[in-house]
Amino acid sequence: MSSWVRVVVGALAAATVMVTAACAPASLPVDVGPAPTSSASQAPLQVTGTSGAPPTLEYEQPFAVVAPASRTVWPGTGDVLERDDPVLLNLYAQDGRDGTELQNTFRTAPVAYTMTEPSLGNSLFEALEGKRAGTRLLLMEEQDGVPVLLVADVLPARASGVEAAAPGKSLPQVRLDDLGAPTVRIPRGVEPPSELVVHPLIRGSGQQVRAGQILTVEFTAVRWSDGEVVDTTWTEGTSPQSAEIGIGRLVEGWDQGLLEQTVGSQVMLVVPPQDGHANTTSRLAGETLVYVVDILDAHKAVPEEEPETKKKEG
């Protein structure tokens, strides 16, 4: 089995939706396999669908893969993918013999990788190299007699959009490093606000976040009382977190503060105890927390029974 096909298999296990405040790495290393050859004449295969939703593949079954190949379904306009960068993917794969679904992260959550051959495998790495966030790719390869048809959507790995007004002096100040990881400075001698504060730092151009969607974010959490980082997804080996939003599975400050924000945004939340961990056994139960949240993706989970394959009549 080739390396990028193993990405499909590995991602199936890795892309489980997280519904607590815990964060675990989502990327699984895979073996490096052979790179794809140049495109050869293939049977027609049409990929349709919109961004943020699983694609529909239309082709005559069984589909014969003449040679390993890839093509861009549509280009992206975001940051260019470069070696060693984080890369976040939605993956959808079918068995070309009968359209059986092999993988669909739209049912769960996107999967984080690193832009290297060991993480992605040679074929997917080479197909993604130089592409931009927002790209949708189609890869075709036959393995062990199975024609595997994989569609990969490249999601942004950090907030991107129009910079908003900086917070006032009574609120924390945020600085970003070259990768987008935030550093939060708490104002000295200032009491924390008693009510939830929602302050967009970057306004993204994506869809609005709705209740019940699976939200994928990078975030850092800082304690107001001493400025200590108490949780973050930006450390090496840690992946973005995904959770359902607006249904009571997250702290109230997140459910209130992130709904109706747009994908691509970076939002600072100042969450007082009553909207955070009050009345719990958490060590943070009495603390006001400052979160800086990059909203990378938001989509409604696709139900298992929803059809996504069309068989082209031969």
C-alpha atoms as a PDB file:
ATOM      1  CA  MET A   1       0.000   0.000   0.000  1.00  0.00           C
ATOM      2  CA  SER A   2       1.421   3.405  -0.985  1.00  0.00           C
ATOM      3  CA  SER A   3       2.148   6.162   1.492  1.00  0.00           C
ATOM      4  CA  TRP A   4      -0.669   8.493   0.521  1.00  0.00           C
ATOM      5  CA  VAL A   5      -3.154   5.641   0.623  1.00  0.00           C
ATOM      6  CA  ARG A   6      -1.887   5.005   4.142  1.00  0.00           C
ATOM      7  CA  VAL A   7      -2.679   8.650   4.895  1.00  0.00           C
ATOM      8  CA  VAL A   8      -6.306   7.794   4.151  1.00  0.00           C
ATOM      9  CA  VAL A   9      -6.235   4.797   6.477  1.00  0.00           C
ATOM     10  CA  GLY A  10      -4.303   6.618   9.196  1.00  0.00           C
ATOM     11  CA  ALA A  11      -6.520   9.664   9.044  1.00  0.00           C
ATOM     12  CA  LEU A  12      -9.616   7.543   9.625  1.00  0.00           C
ATOM     13  CA  ALA A  13      -8.321   6.667  13.063  1.00  0.00           C
ATOM     14  CA  ALA A  14      -6.808  10.085  13.731  1.00  0.00           C
ATOM     15  CA  ALA A  15      -9.712  12.380  12.904  1.00  0.00           C
ATOM     16  CA  THR A  16     -12.007  11.572  15.840  1.00  0.00           C
ATOM     17  CA  VAL A  17     -13.900  14.635  17.042  1.00  0.00           C
ATOM     18  CA  MET A  18     -12.679  15.933  20.407  1.00  0.00           C
ATOM     19  CA  VAL A  19     -15.510  17.160  22.640  1.00  0.00           C
ATOM     20  CA  THR A  20     -13.569  18.246  25.713  1.00  0.00           C
ATOM     21  CA  ALA A  21     -10.983  20.926  26.365  1.00  0.00           C
ATOM     22  CA  ALA A  22      -8.193  18.360  26.015  1.00  0.00           C
ATOM     23  CA  CYS A  23      -6.006  18.444  22.898  1.00  0.00           C
ATOM     24  CA  ALA A  24      -4.214  15.477  21.361  1.00  0.00           C
ATOM     25  CA  PRO A  25      -2.021  15.178  18.255  1.00  0.00           C
ATOM     26  CA  ALA A  26      -4.037  14.165  15.203  1.00  0.00           C
ATOM     27  CA  SER A  27      -1.209  13.408  12.809  1.00  0.00           C
ATOM     28  CA  LEU A  28       0.022   9.848  12.301  1.00  0.00           C
ATOM     29  CA  PRO A  29       3.409   9.187  10.653  1.00  0.00           C
ATOM     30  CA  VAL A  30       3.357   6.979   7.586  1.00  0.00           C
ATOM     31  CA  ASP A  31       5.950   5.191   5.497  1.00  0.00           C
ATOM     32  CA  VAL A  32       7.337   6.934   2.427  1.00  0.00           C
ATOM     33  CA  GLY A  33       6.289   5.335  -0.849  1.00  0.00           C
ATOM     34  CA  PRO A  34       6.907   5.923  -4.542  1.00  0.00           C
ATOM     35  CA  ALA A  35       6.026   9.250  -6.156  1.00  0.00           C
ATOM     36  CA  PRO A  36       3.335   9.417  -8.830  1.00  0.00           C
ATOM     37  CA  THR A  37       4.249   9.275 -12.472  1.00  0.00           C
ATOM     38  CA  SER A  38       3.182  11.899 -14.975  1.00  0.00           C
ATOM     39  CA  SER A  39      -0.493  11.869 -15.958  1.00  0.00           C
ATOM     40  CA  ALA A  40      -1.582   9.258 -18.477  1.00  0.00           C
ATOM     41  CA  SER A  41      -4.879   8.967 -20.317  1.00  0.00           C
ATOM     42  CA  GLN A  42      -7.581   8.157 -17.777  1.00  0.00           C
ATOM     43  CA  ALA A  43     -11.267   7.443 -17.993  1.00  0.00           C
ATOM     44  CA  PRO A  44     -13.356  10.578 -17.331  1.00  0.00           C
ATOM     45  CA  LEU A  45     -13.696  11.465 -13.655  1.00  0.00           C
ATOM     46  CA  GLN A  46     -15.591  14.581 -12.596  1.00  0.00           C
ATOM     47  CA  VAL A  47     -15.313  16.122  -9.128  1.00  0.00           C
ATOM     48  CA  THR A  48     -18.123  18.468  -8.104  1.00  0.00           C
ATOM     49  CA  GLY A  49     -19.202  20.082  -4.856  1.00  0.00           C
ATOM     50  CA  THR A  50     -18.532  23.209  -2.836  1.00  0.00           C
ATOM     51  CA  SER A  51     -15.869  24.190  -0.358  1.00  0.00           C
ATOM     52  CA  GLY A  52     -16.548  22.942   3.155  1.00  0.00           C
ATOM     53  CA  ALA A  53     -18.544  19.916   2.012  1.00  0.00           C
ATOM     54  CA  PRO A  54     -17.566  16.453   0.774  1.00  0.00           C
ATOM     55  CA  PRO A  55     -17.138  16.186  -2.990  1.00  0.00           C
ATOM     56  CA  THR A  56     -19.218  14.138  -5.392  1.00  0.00           C
ATOM     57  CA  LEU A  57     -17.224  11.906  -7.755  1.00  0.00           C
ATOM     58  CA  GLU A  58     -18.800  10.979 -11.075  1.00  0.00           C
ATOM     59  CA  TYR A  59     -17.245   8.214 -13.167  1.00  0.00           C
ATOM     60  CA  GLU A  60     -18.029   4.924 -14.826  1.00  0.00           C
ATOM     61  CA  GLN A  61     -17.518   1.997 -12.467  1.00  0.00           C
ATOM     62  CA  PRO A  62     -15.290   0.135 -12.143  1.00  0.00           C
ATOM     63  CA  PHE A  63     -12.737   2.894 -12.619  1.00  0.00           C
ATOM     64  CA  ALA A  64      -9.368   1.852 -14.030  1.00  0.00           C
ATOM     65  CA  VAL A  65      -6.320   3.847 -12.894  1.00  0.00           C
ATOM     66  CA  VAL A  66      -3.982   3.862 -15.897  1.00  0.00           C
ATOM     67  CA  ALA A  67      -1.117   5.411 -13.896  1.00  0.00           C
ATOM     68  CA  PRO A  68      -0.764   7.267 -10.577  1.00  0.00           C
ATOM     69  CA  ALA A  69      -1.764  10.872 -11.176  1.00  0.00           C
ATOM     70  CA  SER A  70      -3.033  14.036  -9.525  1.00  0.00           C
ATOM     71  CA  ARG A  71      -4.794  17.201 -10.617  1.00  0.00           C
ATOM     72  CA  THR A  72      -6.002  20.437  -9.101  1.00  0.00           C
ATOM     73  CA  VAL A  73      -9.788  20.617  -8.875  1.00  0.00           C
ATOM     74  CA  TRP A  74      -9.546  24.287  -7.918  1.00  0.00           C
ATOM     75  CA  PRO A  75      -6.616  26.424  -6.759  1.00  0.00           C
ATOM     76  CA  GLY A  76      -6.367  28.115  -3.392  1.00  0.00           C
ATOM     77  CA  THR A  77      -5.644  31.735  -2.576  1.00  0.00           C
ATOM     78  CA  GLY A  78      -4.209  31.368   0.946  1.00  0.00           C
ATOM     79  CA  ASP A  79      -0.676  30.851   2.206  1.00  0.00           C
ATOM     80  CA  VAL A  80       1.697  28.761   0.093  1.00  0.00           C
ATOM     81  CA  LEU A  81       2.529  25.355   1.592  1.00  0.00           C
ATOM     82  CA  GLU A  82       6.228  25.051   2.345  1.00  0.00           C
ATOM     83  CA  ARG A  83       8.350  22.222   3.725  1.00  0.00           C
ATOM     84  CA  ASP A  84       7.992  21.634   7.472  1.00  0.00           C
ATOM     85  CA  ASP A  85       4.883  23.833   7.673  1.00  0.00           C
ATOM     86  CA  PRO A  86       1.787  22.521   9.437  1.00  0.00           C
ATOM     87  CA  VAL A  87      -0.878  21.416   6.954  1.00  0.00           C
ATOM     88  CA  LEU A  88      -4.533  20.763   7.746  1.00  0.00           C
ATOM     89  CA  LEU A  89      -6.533  18.548   5.381  1.00  0.00           C
ATOM     90  CA  ASN A  90     -10.068  17.377   4.825  1.00  0.00           C
ATOM     91  CA  LEU A  91      -9.873  13.999   3.100  1.00  0.00           C
ATOM     92  CA  TYR A  92     -12.437  12.090   1.082  1.00  0.00           C
ATOM     93  CA  ALA A  93     -11.597   8.777  -0.623  1.00  0.00           C
ATOM     94  CA  GLN A  94     -13.476   6.140  -2.602  1.00  0.00           C
ATOM     95  CA  ASP A  95     -12.824   2.661  -3.924  1.00  0.00           C
ATOM     96  CA  GLY A  96     -13.163   3.235  -7.656  1.00  0.00           C
ATOM     97  CA  ARG A  97     -14.483  -0.261  -8.261  1.00  0.00           C
ATOM     98  CA  ASP A  98     -17.871   0.441  -6.700  1.00  0.00           C
ATOM     99  CA  GLY A  99     -17.742   3.892  -5.062  1.00  0.00           C
ATOM    100  CA  THR A 100     -17.374   2.536  -1.534  1.00  0.00           C
ATOM    101  CA  GLU A 101     -16.336   5.304   0.835  1.00  0.00           C
ATOM    102  CA  LEU A 102     -12.875   4.669   2.259  1.00  0.00           C
ATOM    103  CA  GLN A 103     -12.445   7.898   4.218  1.00  0.00           C
ATOM    104  CA  ASN A 104     -14.453  11.034   4.916  1.00  0.00           C
ATOM    105  CA  THR A 105     -13.190  13.553   7.448  1.00  0.00           C
ATOM    106  CA  PHE A 106     -16.284  15.673   6.792  1.00  0.00           C
ATOM    107  CA  ARG A 107     -18.038  13.195   9.103  1.00  0.00           C
ATOM    108  CA  THR A 108     -15.580  14.035  11.868  1.00  0.00           C
ATOM    109  CA  ALA A 109     -12.873  16.692  11.671  1.00  0.00           C
ATOM    110  CA  PRO A 110      -9.911  17.668   9.479  1.00  0.00           C
ATOM    111  CA  VAL A 111      -6.557  16.031  10.107  1.00  0.00           C
ATOM    112  CA  ALA A 112      -3.261  17.776  10.871  1.00  0.00           C
ATOM    113  CA  TYR A 113       0.022  16.803   9.209  1.00  0.00           C
ATOM    114  CA  THR A 114       3.439  18.316   8.664  1.00  0.00           C
ATOM    115  CA  MET A 115       4.525  19.297   5.176  1.00  0.00           C
ATOM    116  CA  THR A 116       7.095  16.514   4.844  1.00  0.00           C
ATOM    117  CA  GLU A 117       7.312  13.209   2.982  1.00  0.00           C
ATOM    118  CA  PRO A 118       7.311  11.064   6.160  1.00  0.00           C
ATOM    119  CA  SER A 119       4.114  12.722   7.390  1.00  0.00           C
ATOM    120  CA  LEU A 120       2.188  12.878   4.105  1.00  0.00           C
ATOM    121  CA  GLY A 121       3.954  10.345   1.920  1.00  0.00           C
ATOM    122  CA  ASN A 122       5.746  11.203  -1.313  1.00  0.00           C
ATOM    123  CA  SER A 123       2.702  11.287  -3.572  1.00  0.00           C
ATOM    124  CA  LEU A 124       0.558  13.615  -1.485  1.00  0.00           C
ATOM    125  CA  PHE A 125       3.570  15.731  -0.512  1.00  0.00           C
ATOM    126  CA  GLU A 126       4.526  16.305  -4.153  1.00  0.00           C
ATOM    127  CA  ALA A 127       0.932  17.045  -5.123  1.00  0.00           C
ATOM    128  CA  LEU A 128       0.649  19.623  -2.329  1.00  0.00           C
ATOM    129  CA  GLU A 129       4.075  21.229  -2.668  1.00  0.00           C
ATOM    130  CA  GLY A 130       3.747  24.844  -3.757  1.00  0.00           C
ATOM    131  CA  LYS A 131      -0.050  24.803  -3.486  1.00  0.00           C
ATOM    132  CA  ARG A 132      -1.992  27.327  -1.426  1.00  0.00           C
ATOM    133  CA  ALA A 133      -4.488  26.954   1.383  1.00  0.00           C
ATOM    134  CA  GLY A 134      -7.940  26.636  -0.156  1.00  0.00           C
ATOM    135  CA  THR A 135      -6.807  24.203  -2.868  1.00  0.00           C
ATOM    136  CA  ARG A 136      -8.802  21.055  -3.659  1.00  0.00           C
ATOM    137  CA  LEU A 137      -6.773  18.196  -5.166  1.00  0.00           C
ATOM    138  CA  LEU A 138      -7.672  14.848  -6.729  1.00  0.00           C
ATOM    139  CA  LEU A 139      -5.209  11.947  -6.507  1.00  0.00           C
ATOM    140  CA  MET A 140      -5.640   8.586  -8.241  1.00  0.00           C
ATOM    141  CA  GLU A 141      -3.623   5.432  -7.588  1.00  0.00           C
ATOM    142  CA  GLU A 142      -4.164   1.683  -7.741  1.00  0.00           C
ATOM    143  CA  GLN A 143      -2.964  -0.372  -4.794  1.00  0.00           C
ATOM    144  CA  ASP A 144      -3.345  -4.118  -4.380  1.00  0.00           C
ATOM    145  CA  GLY A 145      -5.888  -4.090  -7.184  1.00  0.00           C
ATOM    146  CA  VAL A 146      -7.941  -1.291  -5.601  1.00  0.00           C
ATOM    147  CA  PRO A 147      -8.309   1.994  -7.539  1.00  0.00           C
ATOM    148  CA  VAL A 148      -8.186   4.611  -4.769  1.00  0.00           C
ATOM    149  CA  LEU A 149      -9.599   8.048  -5.588  1.00  0.00           C
ATOM    150  CA  LEU A 150      -8.642  10.650  -2.980  1.00  0.00           C
ATOM    151  CA  VAL A 151      -9.814  14.268  -2.777  1.00  0.00           C
ATOM    152  CA  ALA A 152      -7.840  16.498  -0.401  1.00  0.00           C
ATOM    153  CA  ASP A 153      -8.956  19.970   0.676  1.00  0.00           C
ATOM    154  CA  VAL A 154      -6.182  22.180   2.063  1.00  0.00           C
ATOM    155  CA  LEU A 155      -7.413  24.237   5.021  1.00  0.00           C
ATOM    156  CA  PRO A 156      -5.621  27.248   6.506  1.00  0.00           C
ATOM    157  CA  ALA A 157      -3.222  26.474   9.345  1.00  0.00           C
ATOM    158  CA  ARG A 158      -3.581  29.936  10.931  1.00  0.00           C
ATOM    159  CA  ALA A 159      -5.964  32.870  10.950  1.00  0.00           C
ATOM    160  CA  SER A 160      -5.936  35.001   7.819  1.00  0.00           C
ATOM    161  CA  GLY A 161      -7.965  38.081   6.995  1.00  0.00           C
ATOM    162  CA  VAL A 162      -8.277  41.764   7.771  1.00  0.00           C
ATOM    163  CA  GLU A 163      -6.547  42.934  10.931  1.00  0.00           C
ATOM    164  CA  ALA A 164      -9.024  44.440  13.394  1.00  0.00           C
ATOM    165  CA  ALA A 165      -8.492  47.241  15.895  1.00  0.00           C
ATOM    166  CA  ALA A 166      -6.106  46.402  18.720  1.00  0.00           C
ATOM    167  CA  PRO A 167      -7.602  45.868  22.185  1.00  0.00           C
ATOM    168  CA  GLY A 168      -7.676  48.822  24.566  1.00  0.00           C
ATOM    169  CA  LYS A 169      -5.057  49.232  27.294  1.00  0.00           C
ATOM    170  CA  SER A 170      -7.319  47.613  29.904  1.00  0.00           C
ATOM    171  CA  LEU A 171      -7.342  44.361  27.905  1.00  0.00           C
ATOM    172  CA  PRO A 172      -4.555  41.875  27.143  1.00  0.00           C
ATOM    173  CA  GLN A 173      -2.261  42.609  24.188  1.00  0.00           C
ATOM    174  CA  VAL A 174      -1.412  39.893  21.649  1.00  0.00           C
ATOM    175  CA  ARG A 175       1.693  39.450  19.513  1.00  0.00           C
ATOM    176  CA  LEU A 176       2.191  36.740  16.889  1.00  0.00           C
ATOM    177  CA  ASP A 177       5.380  34.955  15.884  1.00  0.00           C
ATOM    178  CA  ASP A 178       6.263  34.054  12.291  1.00  0.00           C
ATOM    179  CA  LEU A 179       4.056  30.943  12.368  1.00  0.00           C
ATOM    180  CA  GLY A 180       1.111  32.753  13.916  1.00  0.00           C
ATOM    181  CA  ALA A 181       1.491  31.491  17.484  1.00  0.00           C
ATOM    182  CA  PRO A 182       0.301  34.158  19.949  1.00  0.00           C
ATOM    183  CA  THR A 183       1.980  35.616  23.017  1.00  0.00           C
ATOM    184  CA  VAL A 184      -0.454  37.248  25.438  1.00  0.00           C
ATOM    185  CA  ARG A 185       0.512  40.084  27.776  1.00  0.00           C
ATOM    186  CA  ILE A 186      -1.876  40.764  30.696  1.00  0.00           C
ATOM    187  CA  PRO A 187      -2.152  44.481  31.655  1.00  0.00           C
ATOM    188  CA  ARG A 188      -0.455  45.185  34.977  1.00  0.00           C
ATOM    189  CA  GLY A 189      -2.529  46.306  37.912  1.00  0.00           C
ATOM    190  CA  VAL A 190      -5.834  45.910  36.070  1.00  0.00           C
ATOM    191  CA  GLU A 191      -8.670  43.846  37.511  1.00  0.00           C
ATOM    192  CA  PRO A 192     -10.148  41.305  35.083  1.00  0.00           C
ATOM    193  CA  PRO A 193     -13.538  42.130  33.542  1.00  0.00           C
ATOM    194  CA  SER A 194     -16.534  40.620  35.289  1.00  0.00           C
ATOM    195  CA  GLU A 195     -18.344  39.834  32.037  1.00  0.00           C
ATOM    196  CA  LEU A 196     -17.320  37.939  28.905  1.00  0.00           C
ATOM    197  CA  VAL A 197     -15.228  40.001  26.470  1.00  0.00           C
ATOM    198  CA  VAL A 198     -15.152  39.031  22.783  1.00  0.00           C
ATOM    199  CA  HIS A 199     -12.579  40.944  20.732  1.00  0.00           C
ATOM    200  CA  PRO A 200     -11.817  39.921  17.120  1.00  0.00           C
ATOM    201  CA  LEU A 201      -8.141  40.451  16.262  1.00  0.00           C
ATOM    202  CA  ILE A 202      -8.329  39.243  12.648  1.00  0.00           C
ATOM    203  CA  ARG A 203     -11.560  39.078  10.665  1.00  0.00           C
ATOM    204  CA  GLY A 204     -11.617  36.110   8.297  1.00  0.00           C
ATOM    205  CA  SER A 205     -13.671  35.937   5.117  1.00  0.00           C
ATOM    206  CA  GLY A 206     -15.114  32.440   5.596  1.00  0.00           C
ATOM    207  CA  GLN A 207     -18.574  31.318   6.624  1.00  0.00           C
ATOM    208  CA  GLN A 208     -20.050  32.173  10.008  1.00  0.00           C
ATOM    209  CA  VAL A 209     -19.764  29.627  12.800  1.00  0.00           C
ATOM    210  CA  ARG A 210     -23.142  28.048  13.626  1.00  0.00           C
ATOM    211  CA  ALA A 211     -24.341  26.017  16.599  1.00  0.00           C
ATOM    212  CA  GLY A 212     -23.847  22.288  16.113  1.00  0.00           C
ATOM    213  CA  GLN A 213     -20.952  22.629  13.691  1.00  0.00           C
ATOM    214  CA  ILE A 214     -17.611  20.926  14.211  1.00  0.00           C
ATOM    215  CA  LEU A 215     -15.168  23.744  14.908  1.00  0.00           C
ATOM    216  CA  THR A 216     -11.420  23.286  14.333  1.00  0.00           C
ATOM    217  CA  VAL A 217      -9.107  25.784  16.002  1.00  0.00           C
ATOM    218  CA  GLU A 218      -5.622  26.630  17.146  1.00  0.00           C
ATOM    219  CA  PHE A 219      -5.690  28.329  20.545  1.00  0.00           C
ATOM    220  CA  THR A 220      -3.689  29.532  23.515  1.00  0.00           C
ATOM    221  CA  ALA A 221      -5.161  29.949  27.008  1.00  0.00           C
ATOM    222  CA  VAL A 222      -3.553  32.291  29.550  1.00  0.00           C
ATOM    223  CA  ARG A 223      -4.458  32.846  33.202  1.00  0.00           C
ATOM    224  CA  TRP A 224      -5.234  36.513  33.926  1.00  0.00           C
ATOM    225  CA  SER A 225      -3.932  36.307  37.509  1.00  0.00           C
ATOM    226  CA  ASP A 226      -0.306  35.624  36.554  1.00  0.00           C
ATOM    227  CA  GLY A 227      -0.080  35.522  32.738  1.00  0.00           C
ATOM    228  CA  GLU A 228       0.825  31.837  32.716  1.00  0.00           C
ATOM    229  CA  VAL A 229      -0.041  29.757  29.641  1.00  0.00           C
ATOM    230  CA  VAL A 230      -2.308  26.975  30.911  1.00  0.00           C
ATOM    231  CA  ASP A 231      -3.132  25.310  27.571  1.00  0.00           C
ATOM    232  CA  THR A 232      -2.106  25.681  23.940  1.00  0.00           C
ATOM    233  CA  THR A 233      -2.195  23.821  20.637  1.00  0.00           C
ATOM    234  CA  TRP A 234       0.808  25.723  19.285  1.00  0.00           C
ATOM    235  CA  THR A 235       3.516  23.579  20.907  1.00  0.00           C
ATOM    236  CA  GLU A 236       5.473  21.154  18.729  1.00  0.00           C
ATOM    237  CA  GLY A 237       3.734  17.796  18.354  1.00  0.00           C
ATOM    238  CA  THR A 238       0.311  19.194  19.242  1.00  0.00           C
ATOM    239  CA  SER A 239      -2.449  19.467  16.661  1.00  0.00           C
ATOM    240  CA  PRO A 240      -5.437  21.786  16.239  1.00  0.00           C
ATOM    241  CA  GLN A 241      -8.465  20.862  18.325  1.00  0.00           C
ATOM    242  CA  SER A 242     -11.919  20.047  16.961  1.00  0.00           C
ATOM    243  CA  ALA A 243     -15.161  20.149  18.905  1.00  0.00           C
ATOM    244  CA  GLU A 244     -18.878  20.725  18.429  1.00  0.00           C
ATOM    245  CA  ILE A 245     -19.761  24.317  19.197  1.00  0.00           C
ATOM    246  CA  GLY A 246     -22.876  25.843  20.719  1.00  0.00           C
ATOM    247  CA  ILE A 247     -24.419  22.723  22.214  1.00  0.00           C
ATOM    248  CA  GLY A 248     -23.038  22.849  25.759  1.00  0.00           C
ATOM    249  CA  ARG A 249     -19.950  20.703  25.301  1.00  0.00           C
ATOM    250  CA  LEU A 250     -17.535  23.618  25.600  1.00  0.00           C
ATOM    251  CA  VAL A 251     -17.259  26.289  28.261  1.00  0.00           C
ATOM    252  CA  GLU A 252     -19.954  28.939  27.964  1.00  0.00           C
ATOM    253  CA  GLY A 253     -17.452  31.606  26.985  1.00  0.00           C
ATOM    254  CA  TRP A 254     -16.558  29.668  23.840  1.00  0.00           C
ATOM    255  CA  ASP A 255     -20.162  28.837  22.987  1.00  0.00           C
ATOM    256  CA  GLN A 256     -21.146  32.497  23.319  1.00  0.00           C
ATOM    257  CA  GLY A 257     -18.032  34.138  21.985  1.00  0.00           C
ATOM    258  CA  LEU A 258     -17.278  32.093  18.877  1.00  0.00           C
ATOM    259  CA  LEU A 259     -20.756  31.654  17.413  1.00  0.00           C
ATOM    260  CA  GLU A 260     -21.256  33.891  14.350  1.00  0.00           C
ATOM    261  CA  GLN A 261     -17.537  34.599  14.087  1.00  0.00           C
ATOM    262  CA  THR A 262     -16.160  33.814  10.626  1.00  0.00           C
ATOM    263  CA  VAL A 263     -13.779  31.065   9.561  1.00  0.00           C
ATOM    264  CA  GLY A 264     -10.288  32.510   9.181  1.00  0.00           C
ATOM    265  CA  SER A 265     -10.754  34.854  12.136  1.00  0.00           C
ATOM    266  CA  GLN A 266      -8.621  35.183  15.226  1.00  0.00           C
ATOM    267  CA  VAL A 267     -10.655  36.056  18.309  1.00  0.00           C
ATOM    268  CA  MET A 268      -9.565  36.977  21.828  1.00  0.00           C
ATOM    269  CA  LEU A 269     -11.949  35.807  24.541  1.00  0.00           C
ATOM    270  CA  VAL A 270     -11.656  37.038  28.125  1.00  0.00           C
ATOM    271  CA  VAL A 271     -13.677  34.459  30.026  1.00  0.00           C
ATOM    272  CA  PRO A 272     -14.629  35.119  33.673  1.00  0.00           C
ATOM    273  CA  PRO A 273     -15.130  32.123  35.971  1.00  0.00           C
ATOM    274  CA  GLN A 274     -18.912  31.971  35.577  1.00  0.00           C
ATOM    275  CA  ASP A 275     -18.474  31.507  31.810  1.00  0.00           C
ATOM    276  CA  GLY A 276     -15.535  29.163  32.241  1.00  0.00           C
ATOM    277  CA  HIS A 277     -14.802  26.477  34.799  1.00  0.00           C
ATOM    278  CA  ALA A 278     -16.776  27.745  37.811  1.00  0.00           C
ATOM    279  CA  ASN A 279     -18.602  25.055  39.809  1.00  0.00           C
ATOM    280  CA  THR A 280     -16.250  22.360  38.527  1.00  0.00           C
ATOM    281  CA  THR A 281     -13.335  20.526  40.114  1.00  0.00           C
ATOM    282  CA  SER A 282     -10.905  22.145  37.645  1.00  0.00           C
ATOM    283  CA  ARG A 283      -7.844  23.899  39.060  1.00  0.00           C
ATOM    284  CA  LEU A 284      -8.989  26.845  36.944  1.00  0.00           C
ATOM    285  CA  ALA A 285     -12.457  27.023  38.516  1.00  0.00           C
ATOM    286  CA  GLY A 286     -11.922  30.475  40.019  1.00  0.00           C
ATOM    287  CA  GLU A 287      -9.758  31.914  37.264  1.00  0.00           C
ATOM    288  CA  THR A 288     -10.423  34.428  34.507  1.00  0.00           C
ATOM    289  CA  LEU A 289      -8.878  33.006  31.348  1.00  0.00           C
ATOM    290  CA  VAL A 290      -7.752  34.737  28.175  1.00  0.00           C
ATOM    291  CA  TYR A 291      -8.073  32.662  25.001  1.00  0.00           C
ATOM    292  CA  VAL A 292      -6.666  33.580  21.601  1.00  0.00           C
ATOM    293  CA  VAL A 293      -8.486  31.386  19.081  1.00  0.00           C
ATOM    294  CA  ASP A 294      -7.706  30.922  15.377  1.00  0.00           C
ATOM    295  CA  ILE A 295     -10.824  29.568  13.630  1.00  0.00           C
ATOM    296  CA  LEU A 296      -9.556  27.220  10.908  1.00  0.00           C
ATOM    297  CA  ASP A 297     -12.688  25.319   9.881  1.00  0.00           C
ATOM    298  CA  ALA A 298     -16.372  24.951  10.716  1.00  0.00           C
ATOM    299  CA  HIS A 299     -18.665  22.422   9.107  1.00  0.00           C
ATOM    300  CA  LYS A 300     -21.778  20.431   9.895  1.00  0.00           C
ATOM    301  CA  ALA A 301     -20.964  16.757  10.362  1.00  0.00           C
ATOM    302  CA  VAL A 302     -22.114  14.681   7.382  1.00  0.00           C
ATOM    303  CA  PRO A 303     -24.536  11.934   8.481  1.00  0.00           C
ATOM    304  CA  GLU A 304     -23.616   8.376   7.663  1.00  0.00           C
ATOM    305  CA  GLU A 305     -26.668   7.806   5.501  1.00  0.00           C
ATOM    306  CA  GLU A 306     -26.096  10.824   3.220  1.00  0.00           C
ATOM    307  CA  PRO A 307     -25.272   9.667  -0.325  1.00  0.00           C
ATOM    308  CA  GLU A 308     -22.176  11.269  -1.859  1.00  0.00           C
ATOM    309  CA  THR A 309     -21.421   9.061  -4.855  1.00  0.00           C
ATOM    310  CA  LYS A 310     -22.917   9.122  -8.324  1.00  0.00           C
ATOM    311  CA  LYS A 311     -22.402   6.267 -10.709  1.00  0.00           C
ATOM    312  CA  LYS A 312     -22.118   7.404 -14.291  1.00  0.00           C
ATOM    313  CA  GLU A 313     -24.096   5.236 -16.637  1.00  0.00           C
ATOM    314  CA  GLY A 314     -21.890   3.577 -19.195  1.00  0.00           C
END
